[in-house]
């Protein structure tokens, strides 16, 4: 399996975890991605579709992180408001 196929596999696992609401589990996979990227050879045209899919999933994942951050912020704000 090429480095870019491995990267895609991890990105798919991240998206699935985030979609199920487990953003923390998805974030924990970032180190594995970093290791692959650090050692990956230069991409060839054969990896183009895998890389494009990783980028698409990353945009989706970023949306999940943003959404989770906003929800946590609202919960904290509500908690602080109740304590006053």
N, C-alpha and C. Protein backbone atom coordinates (compact mmCIF):
# COMPACT_ATOMS: atom_id res chain seq x y z
N UNK A 1 0.86 -1.17 0.00
CA UNK A 1 0.00 0.00 0.00
C UNK A 1 0.90 1.23 0.00
N UNK A 2 0.63 2.15 -0.89
CA UNK A 2 1.44 3.37 -0.98
C UNK A 2 1.19 4.27 0.24
N UNK A 3 2.11 5.17 0.46
CA UNK A 3 1.97 6.12 1.57
C UNK A 3 0.68 6.93 1.42
N UNK A 4 0.34 7.27 0.18
CA UNK A 4 -0.85 8.10 -0.04
C UNK A 4 -2.14 7.29 0.14
N UNK A 5 -2.08 6.01 -0.14
CA UNK A 5 -3.23 5.14 0.14
C UNK A 5 -3.40 4.99 1.64
N UNK A 6 -2.29 4.89 2.38
CA UNK A 6 -2.35 4.81 3.84
C UNK A 6 -2.92 6.11 4.41
N UNK A 7 -2.48 7.22 3.85
CA UNK A 7 -2.97 8.52 4.28
C UNK A 7 -4.48 8.62 4.06
N UNK A 8 -4.94 8.15 2.92
CA UNK A 8 -6.37 8.15 2.62
C UNK A 8 -7.13 7.26 3.60
N UNK A 9 -6.57 6.12 3.92
CA UNK A 9 -7.21 5.20 4.87
C UNK A 9 -7.40 5.88 6.23
N UNK A 10 -6.37 6.56 6.69
CA UNK A 10 -6.48 7.26 7.98
C UNK A 10 -7.50 8.39 7.89
N UNK A 11 -7.46 9.14 6.80
CA UNK A 11 -8.43 10.23 6.62
C UNK A 11 -9.86 9.70 6.63
N UNK A 12 -10.08 8.55 6.03
CA UNK A 12 -11.42 7.94 6.03
C UNK A 12 -11.82 7.55 7.45
N UNK A 13 -10.88 7.01 8.22
CA UNK A 13 -11.17 6.66 9.62
C UNK A 13 -11.47 7.92 10.44
N UNK A 14 -10.73 8.98 10.18
CA UNK A 14 -10.99 10.24 10.88
C UNK A 14 -12.39 10.77 10.56
N UNK A 15 -12.74 10.75 9.30
CA UNK A 15 -14.06 11.25 8.90
C UNK A 15 -15.16 10.41 9.52
N UNK A 16 -14.99 9.10 9.54
CA UNK A 16 -15.99 8.22 10.13
C UNK A 16 -16.13 8.48 11.63
N UNK A 17 -15.00 8.64 12.31
CA UNK A 17 -15.05 8.91 13.76
C UNK A 17 -15.73 10.25 14.03
N UNK A 18 -15.35 11.26 13.27
CA UNK A 18 -15.94 12.59 13.47
C UNK A 18 -17.43 12.58 13.16
N UNK A 19 -17.80 11.89 12.10
CA UNK A 19 -19.21 11.81 11.73
C UNK A 19 -20.04 11.14 12.82
N UNK A 20 -19.43 10.16 13.50
CA UNK A 20 -20.14 9.48 14.58
C UNK A 20 -20.12 10.29 15.88
N UNK A 21 -19.46 11.46 15.84
CA UNK A 21 -19.44 12.33 17.01
C UNK A 21 -18.18 12.21 17.86
N UNK A 22 -17.26 11.35 17.46
CA UNK A 22 -16.03 11.15 18.24
C UNK A 22 -14.88 11.94 17.61
N UNK A 23 -14.96 13.26 17.72
CA UNK A 23 -13.94 14.13 17.15
C UNK A 23 -12.60 13.89 17.83
N UNK A 24 -12.61 13.61 19.13
CA UNK A 24 -11.36 13.37 19.84
C UNK A 24 -10.60 12.17 19.26
N UNK A 25 -11.31 11.10 18.94
CA UNK A 25 -10.67 9.92 18.34
C UNK A 25 -10.09 10.28 16.98
N UNK A 26 -10.80 11.10 16.24
CA UNK A 26 -10.32 11.51 14.92
C UNK A 26 -9.05 12.35 15.04
N UNK A 27 -9.01 13.23 16.03
CA UNK A 27 -7.84 14.08 16.23
C UNK A 27 -6.63 13.23 16.65
N UNK A 28 -6.88 12.19 17.42
CA UNK A 28 -5.79 11.32 17.87
C UNK A 28 -5.05 10.65 16.70
N UNK A 29 -5.68 10.56 15.56
CA UNK A 29 -5.04 9.95 14.39
C UNK A 29 -4.10 10.91 13.66
N UNK A 30 -4.04 12.15 14.08
CA UNK A 30 -3.20 13.13 13.41
C UNK A 30 -1.71 12.77 13.46
N UNK A 31 -1.26 12.19 14.57
CA UNK A 31 0.16 11.81 14.67
C UNK A 31 0.51 10.73 13.65
N UNK A 32 -0.39 9.78 13.45
CA UNK A 32 -0.14 8.73 12.46
C UNK A 32 -0.04 9.34 11.06
N UNK A 33 -0.88 10.30 10.79
CA UNK A 33 -0.82 10.98 9.49
C UNK A 33 0.49 11.73 9.33
N UNK A 34 0.92 12.40 10.38
CA UNK A 34 2.17 13.16 10.32
C UNK A 34 3.35 12.25 10.03
N UNK A 35 3.36 11.07 10.63
CA UNK A 35 4.45 10.12 10.38
C UNK A 35 4.48 9.68 8.92
N UNK A 36 3.31 9.43 8.36
CA UNK A 36 3.25 9.02 6.96
C UNK A 36 3.72 10.15 6.05
N UNK A 37 3.24 11.34 6.31
CA UNK A 37 3.61 12.49 5.48
C UNK A 37 5.12 12.75 5.56
N UNK A 38 5.68 12.60 6.75
CA UNK A 38 7.11 12.88 6.94
C UNK A 38 8.00 11.93 6.14
N UNK A 39 7.51 10.72 5.90
CA UNK A 39 8.34 9.73 5.22
C UNK A 39 7.87 9.40 3.80
N UNK A 40 6.81 10.03 3.37
CA UNK A 40 6.26 9.73 2.04
C UNK A 40 7.17 10.24 0.94
N UNK A 41 7.31 9.47 -0.10
CA UNK A 41 8.08 9.96 -1.25
C UNK A 41 7.25 11.01 -1.99
N UNK A 42 7.88 11.74 -2.89
CA UNK A 42 7.10 12.70 -3.68
C UNK A 42 5.94 12.00 -4.39
N UNK A 43 4.83 12.69 -4.44
CA UNK A 43 3.64 12.12 -5.08
C UNK A 43 3.82 12.04 -6.59
N UNK A 44 3.17 11.06 -7.16
CA UNK A 44 3.14 10.93 -8.61
C UNK A 44 1.71 11.14 -9.07
N UNK A 45 1.52 11.18 -10.36
CA UNK A 45 0.16 11.36 -10.89
C UNK A 45 -0.74 10.20 -10.50
N UNK A 46 -0.16 9.04 -10.21
CA UNK A 46 -0.96 7.88 -9.80
C UNK A 46 -1.65 8.11 -8.46
N UNK A 47 -1.09 8.99 -7.63
CA UNK A 47 -1.67 9.25 -6.31
C UNK A 47 -2.63 10.44 -6.31
N UNK A 48 -2.83 11.05 -7.45
CA UNK A 48 -3.65 12.26 -7.51
C UNK A 48 -5.04 12.07 -6.93
N UNK A 49 -5.72 11.02 -7.28
CA UNK A 49 -7.10 10.85 -6.79
C UNK A 49 -7.12 10.60 -5.29
N UNK A 50 -6.14 9.87 -4.77
CA UNK A 50 -6.09 9.63 -3.32
C UNK A 50 -5.85 10.95 -2.59
N UNK A 51 -4.95 11.76 -3.09
CA UNK A 51 -4.65 13.05 -2.46
C UNK A 51 -5.86 13.97 -2.51
N UNK A 52 -6.54 14.01 -3.64
CA UNK A 52 -7.74 14.85 -3.74
C UNK A 52 -8.81 14.40 -2.76
N UNK A 53 -8.96 13.10 -2.57
CA UNK A 53 -9.95 12.60 -1.62
C UNK A 53 -9.54 12.93 -0.19
N UNK A 54 -8.26 12.84 0.12
CA UNK A 54 -7.77 13.22 1.45
C UNK A 54 -8.11 14.69 1.70
N UNK A 55 -7.87 15.53 0.73
CA UNK A 55 -8.17 16.96 0.90
C UNK A 55 -9.66 17.21 1.09
N UNK A 56 -10.49 16.48 0.37
CA UNK A 56 -11.94 16.62 0.53
C UNK A 56 -12.36 16.20 1.94
N UNK A 57 -11.82 15.07 2.40
CA UNK A 57 -12.14 14.59 3.74
C UNK A 57 -11.61 15.55 4.81
N UNK A 58 -10.46 16.15 4.55
CA UNK A 58 -9.91 17.11 5.50
C UNK A 58 -10.81 18.33 5.65
N UNK A 59 -11.37 18.79 4.55
CA UNK A 59 -12.31 19.93 4.63
C UNK A 59 -13.53 19.54 5.46
N UNK A 60 -14.02 18.33 5.24
CA UNK A 60 -15.16 17.83 6.01
C UNK A 60 -14.79 17.71 7.49
N UNK A 61 -13.63 17.16 7.75
CA UNK A 61 -13.14 16.98 9.12
C UNK A 61 -12.98 18.33 9.82
N UNK A 62 -12.45 19.32 9.12
CA UNK A 62 -12.30 20.66 9.69
C UNK A 62 -13.66 21.22 10.11
N UNK A 63 -14.69 20.95 9.31
CA UNK A 63 -16.04 21.37 9.67
C UNK A 63 -16.53 20.71 10.94
N UNK A 64 -16.22 19.43 11.10
CA UNK A 64 -16.61 18.71 12.32
C UNK A 64 -15.89 19.28 13.54
N UNK A 65 -14.60 19.60 13.38
CA UNK A 65 -13.84 20.17 14.49
C UNK A 65 -14.42 21.53 14.87
N UNK A 66 -14.72 22.34 13.88
CA UNK A 66 -15.31 23.66 14.13
C UNK A 66 -16.64 23.51 14.88
N UNK A 67 -17.46 22.60 14.41
CA UNK A 67 -18.76 22.36 15.02
C UNK A 67 -18.61 21.89 16.47
N UNK A 68 -17.69 20.96 16.70
CA UNK A 68 -17.47 20.45 18.06
C UNK A 68 -16.95 21.56 18.97
N UNK A 69 -16.07 22.40 18.46
CA UNK A 69 -15.53 23.51 19.25
C UNK A 69 -16.64 24.49 19.64
N UNK A 70 -17.51 24.79 18.70
CA UNK A 70 -18.62 25.70 18.99
C UNK A 70 -19.56 25.11 20.03
N UNK A 71 -19.85 23.82 19.91
CA UNK A 71 -20.73 23.16 20.87
C UNK A 71 -20.11 23.14 22.26
N UNK A 72 -18.81 22.87 22.34
CA UNK A 72 -18.13 22.88 23.64
C UNK A 72 -18.14 24.28 24.23
N UNK A 73 -17.92 25.26 23.38
CA UNK A 73 -17.94 26.65 23.85
C UNK A 73 -19.31 27.03 24.41
N UNK A 74 -20.35 26.60 23.73
CA UNK A 74 -21.71 26.89 24.22
C UNK A 74 -21.97 26.20 25.55
N UNK A 75 -21.51 24.95 25.69
CA UNK A 75 -21.72 24.24 26.95
C UNK A 75 -20.97 24.92 28.09
N UNK A 76 -19.76 25.37 27.82
CA UNK A 76 -18.98 26.07 28.84
C UNK A 76 -19.66 27.37 29.21
N UNK A 77 -20.13 28.09 28.21
CA UNK A 77 -20.80 29.36 28.46
C UNK A 77 -22.06 29.13 29.30
N UNK A 78 -22.84 28.10 28.96
CA UNK A 78 -24.05 27.81 29.72
C UNK A 78 -23.70 27.42 31.16
N UNK A 79 -22.64 26.65 31.33
CA UNK A 79 -22.22 26.21 32.65
C UNK A 79 -21.81 27.41 33.50
N UNK A 80 -21.04 28.32 32.89
CA UNK A 80 -20.58 29.51 33.61
C UNK A 80 -21.74 30.42 33.96
N UNK A 81 -22.70 30.54 33.07
CA UNK A 81 -23.87 31.38 33.29
C UNK A 81 -24.69 30.83 34.45
N UNK A 82 -24.83 29.52 34.53
CA UNK A 82 -25.61 28.91 35.61
C UNK A 82 -24.95 29.10 36.96
N UNK A 83 -23.64 29.14 36.98
CA UNK A 83 -22.91 29.24 38.25
C UNK A 83 -22.99 30.66 38.82
N UNK A 84 -23.33 31.65 38.01
CA UNK A 84 -23.36 33.03 38.48
C UNK A 84 -24.61 33.32 39.20
